[in-house]
Protein backbone atom coordinates (compact mmCIF):
# COMPACT_ATOMS: atom_id res chain seq x y z
CA MET A 1 -24.61 1.36 12.53
CA PRO A 2 -23.92 -0.40 9.27
CA THR A 3 -20.26 -1.37 9.23
CA LEU A 4 -17.98 -2.87 6.57
CA ILE A 5 -14.41 -4.18 7.34
CA ARG A 6 -12.05 -4.47 4.49
CA ASP A 7 -8.34 -4.37 3.85
CA LEU A 8 -6.39 -1.14 3.81
CA THR A 9 -5.85 0.52 0.34
CA GLU A 10 -3.54 3.32 -0.57
CA THR A 11 -6.57 5.58 -1.06
CA ASP A 12 -7.30 5.28 2.53
CA TYR A 13 -4.29 6.72 3.84
CA PRO A 14 -5.29 10.42 4.27
CA ALA A 15 -8.57 9.49 6.06
CA LEU A 16 -6.35 7.64 8.82
CA LEU A 17 -4.44 11.00 9.73
CA PRO A 18 -7.02 11.81 12.38
CA LEU A 19 -7.18 8.33 13.72
CA TRP A 20 -3.29 8.23 14.01
CA GLN A 21 -3.00 11.65 15.49
CA ILE A 22 -4.68 10.25 18.35
CA PHE A 23 -1.53 8.30 19.20
CA VAL A 24 0.88 10.82 17.33
CA SER A 25 -0.29 14.09 17.54
CA ASP A 26 2.51 15.40 15.14
CA THR A 27 2.15 12.82 12.63
CA THR A 28 1.39 13.76 8.92
CA VAL A 29 -0.21 12.22 5.86
CA GLU A 30 3.34 12.01 4.29
CA ARG A 31 4.76 9.93 7.45
CA ILE A 32 1.77 7.84 7.40
CA THR A 33 2.00 7.41 3.57
CA LYS A 34 5.53 6.43 3.77
CA ASN A 35 5.33 3.77 6.46
CA TYR A 36 2.13 2.35 4.97
CA ASN A 37 3.81 2.03 1.66
CA ARG A 38 6.73 0.19 3.33
CA ILE A 39 4.44 -2.19 4.71
CA ILE A 40 1.42 -2.91 2.62
CA ASN A 41 2.84 -5.60 0.51
CA ASN A 42 4.58 -7.19 3.41
CA GLU A 43 2.70 -10.44 4.28
CA CYS A 44 3.70 -9.85 8.27
CA TYR A 45 1.44 -6.69 8.31
CA LYS A 46 -2.18 -6.24 7.96
CA THR A 47 -4.42 -3.24 8.33
CA PHE A 48 -8.19 -3.46 8.37
CA VAL A 49 -10.39 -0.34 7.97
CA ALA A 50 -13.83 -0.01 9.42
CA LEU A 51 -16.33 1.75 7.02
CA VAL A 52 -19.64 3.18 8.17
CA SER A 53 -22.74 4.48 7.15
CA ASP A 54 -23.99 7.58 9.18
CA ASP A 55 -27.72 6.82 8.32
CA ASN A 56 -30.05 3.96 8.83
CA THR A 57 -29.77 2.24 5.44
CA ASP A 58 -27.75 -0.97 4.59
CA GLY A 59 -25.51 1.21 2.30
CA ILE A 60 -21.87 1.81 3.44
CA SER A 61 -20.95 5.33 2.73
CA GLY A 62 -17.11 4.78 2.47
CA GLU A 63 -16.25 7.12 5.50
CA ILE A 64 -13.57 5.55 7.31
CA ALA A 65 -14.45 5.32 11.13
CA GLY A 66 -11.59 2.97 12.49
CA PHE A 67 -8.48 0.78 11.74
CA VAL A 68 -6.73 -1.88 13.10
CA THR A 69 -2.85 -2.60 12.36
CA THR A 70 -1.47 -5.96 13.00
CA ALA A 71 2.17 -7.61 12.68
CA LEU A 72 2.73 -11.26 12.57
CA THR A 73 5.51 -12.63 14.71
CA TYR A 74 6.73 -15.97 14.18
CA GLY A 75 6.93 -18.51 17.00
CA ILE A 76 10.10 -19.93 18.19
CA GLY A 77 9.74 -22.93 20.41
CA VAL A 78 6.15 -23.09 19.71
CA GLU A 79 4.02 -24.20 17.10
CA GLY A 80 2.36 -21.32 15.35
CA ASN A 81 2.64 -17.57 15.42
CA TYR A 82 1.37 -14.72 17.23
CA LEU A 83 -0.26 -11.75 15.87
CA GLN A 84 0.20 -8.32 17.53
CA VAL A 85 -2.06 -5.37 17.27
CA ILE A 86 0.18 -2.56 16.74
CA ALA A 87 -2.69 -0.04 16.95
CA ILE A 88 -6.50 0.24 16.87
CA SER A 89 -8.41 3.43 16.63
CA VAL A 90 -12.05 4.62 16.26
CA LYS A 91 -13.17 8.26 15.82
CA PRO A 92 -14.08 9.39 19.41
CA GLU A 93 -17.44 10.77 18.57
CA ILE A 94 -18.51 6.97 17.63
CA GLN A 95 -16.60 4.92 20.09
CA GLY A 96 -19.09 2.56 21.96
CA MET A 97 -20.99 1.93 18.95
CA GLY A 98 -19.30 -1.62 18.32
CA ILE A 99 -16.81 -0.58 15.59
CA GLY A 100 -13.62 -1.43 17.53
CA LYS A 101 -15.37 -4.88 18.49
CA LYS A 102 -15.89 -5.59 14.87
CA LEU A 103 -12.31 -4.50 14.13
CA MET A 104 -11.06 -6.98 16.76
CA GLN A 105 -13.22 -9.48 15.70
CA ARG A 106 -11.72 -9.50 12.06
CA VAL A 107 -8.22 -9.55 13.74
CA GLU A 108 -9.08 -12.84 15.24
CA GLU A 109 -10.79 -14.30 12.00
CA TYR A 110 -7.73 -13.26 10.20
CA ALA A 111 -5.18 -15.05 12.77
CA PRO A 112 -5.80 -18.73 11.65
CA GLU A 113 -5.33 -17.47 8.07
CA VAL A 114 -1.51 -16.75 9.06
CA ASP A 115 -1.23 -19.65 11.55
CA ALA A 116 -1.35 -17.44 14.57
CA PHE A 117 -2.68 -19.20 17.70
CA HIS A 118 -2.37 -15.85 19.95
CA VAL A 119 -3.13 -12.33 19.49
CA PHE A 120 -1.67 -9.80 21.91
CA LEU A 121 -1.22 -6.06 22.26
CA CYS A 122 0.14 -3.40 24.42
CA SER A 123 -1.44 -0.39 25.59
CA GLY A 124 -0.51 2.73 27.58
CA MET A 125 -0.71 2.69 31.40
CA GLN A 126 -2.84 5.78 31.17
CA ARG A 127 -5.37 4.28 28.49
CA THR A 128 -7.50 2.81 31.20
CA ASP A 129 -10.74 3.17 28.86
CA ALA A 130 -8.93 1.25 26.23
CA HIS A 131 -7.95 -1.58 28.94
CA ALA A 132 -11.61 -1.84 29.89
CA PHE A 133 -12.50 -2.18 25.89
CA TYR A 134 -9.81 -5.13 25.59
CA GLU A 135 -11.20 -7.01 28.51
CA ARG A 136 -14.66 -6.80 27.13
CA CYS A 137 -13.30 -8.33 23.91
CA GLY A 138 -12.06 -11.12 26.28
CA TYR A 139 -8.52 -10.05 26.42
CA ILE A 140 -6.52 -10.77 29.69
CA LYS A 141 -4.00 -8.57 31.32
CA GLY A 142 -0.84 -10.90 31.26
CA ALA A 143 2.33 -8.60 31.06
CA TYR A 144 3.92 -5.36 31.48
CA GLY A 145 5.34 -3.56 28.32
CA PHE A 146 8.80 -2.03 28.40
CA GLY A 147 10.50 0.13 25.90
CA LYS A 148 13.58 2.36 25.50
CA THR A 149 14.02 5.23 22.99
CA LEU A 150 17.36 5.32 21.58
């Protein structure tokens, strides 16, 4: 499946709604727009989108099939920075076709551009299919994630 990975643009926000709803079922285009507008020009955040063509030509139709959003975390006590994957999502009907892998590869290519030597992510305990995907991409389970809603 021909795939193009590129930076997020403001015109992409509405197409991200069903992909974000996989994680936050009650989110809205307005919420996505507000939050992406806050970070789109912040050098610590980067979102890549995957565009695919549903035919067998080399042309890319422009349909957004997935995205990955990252945040740069400055290293303290180490040389270099960390790149955290905040979220990655691919349309369920086309998962397993290499789109998520291409998104993660783009993150790994981007990391040295921002002096990041390590990419990490957190994933819900119940998301065992996602865990298997991350392991296939070469990521190792190395920590438990903890959170507290205030």
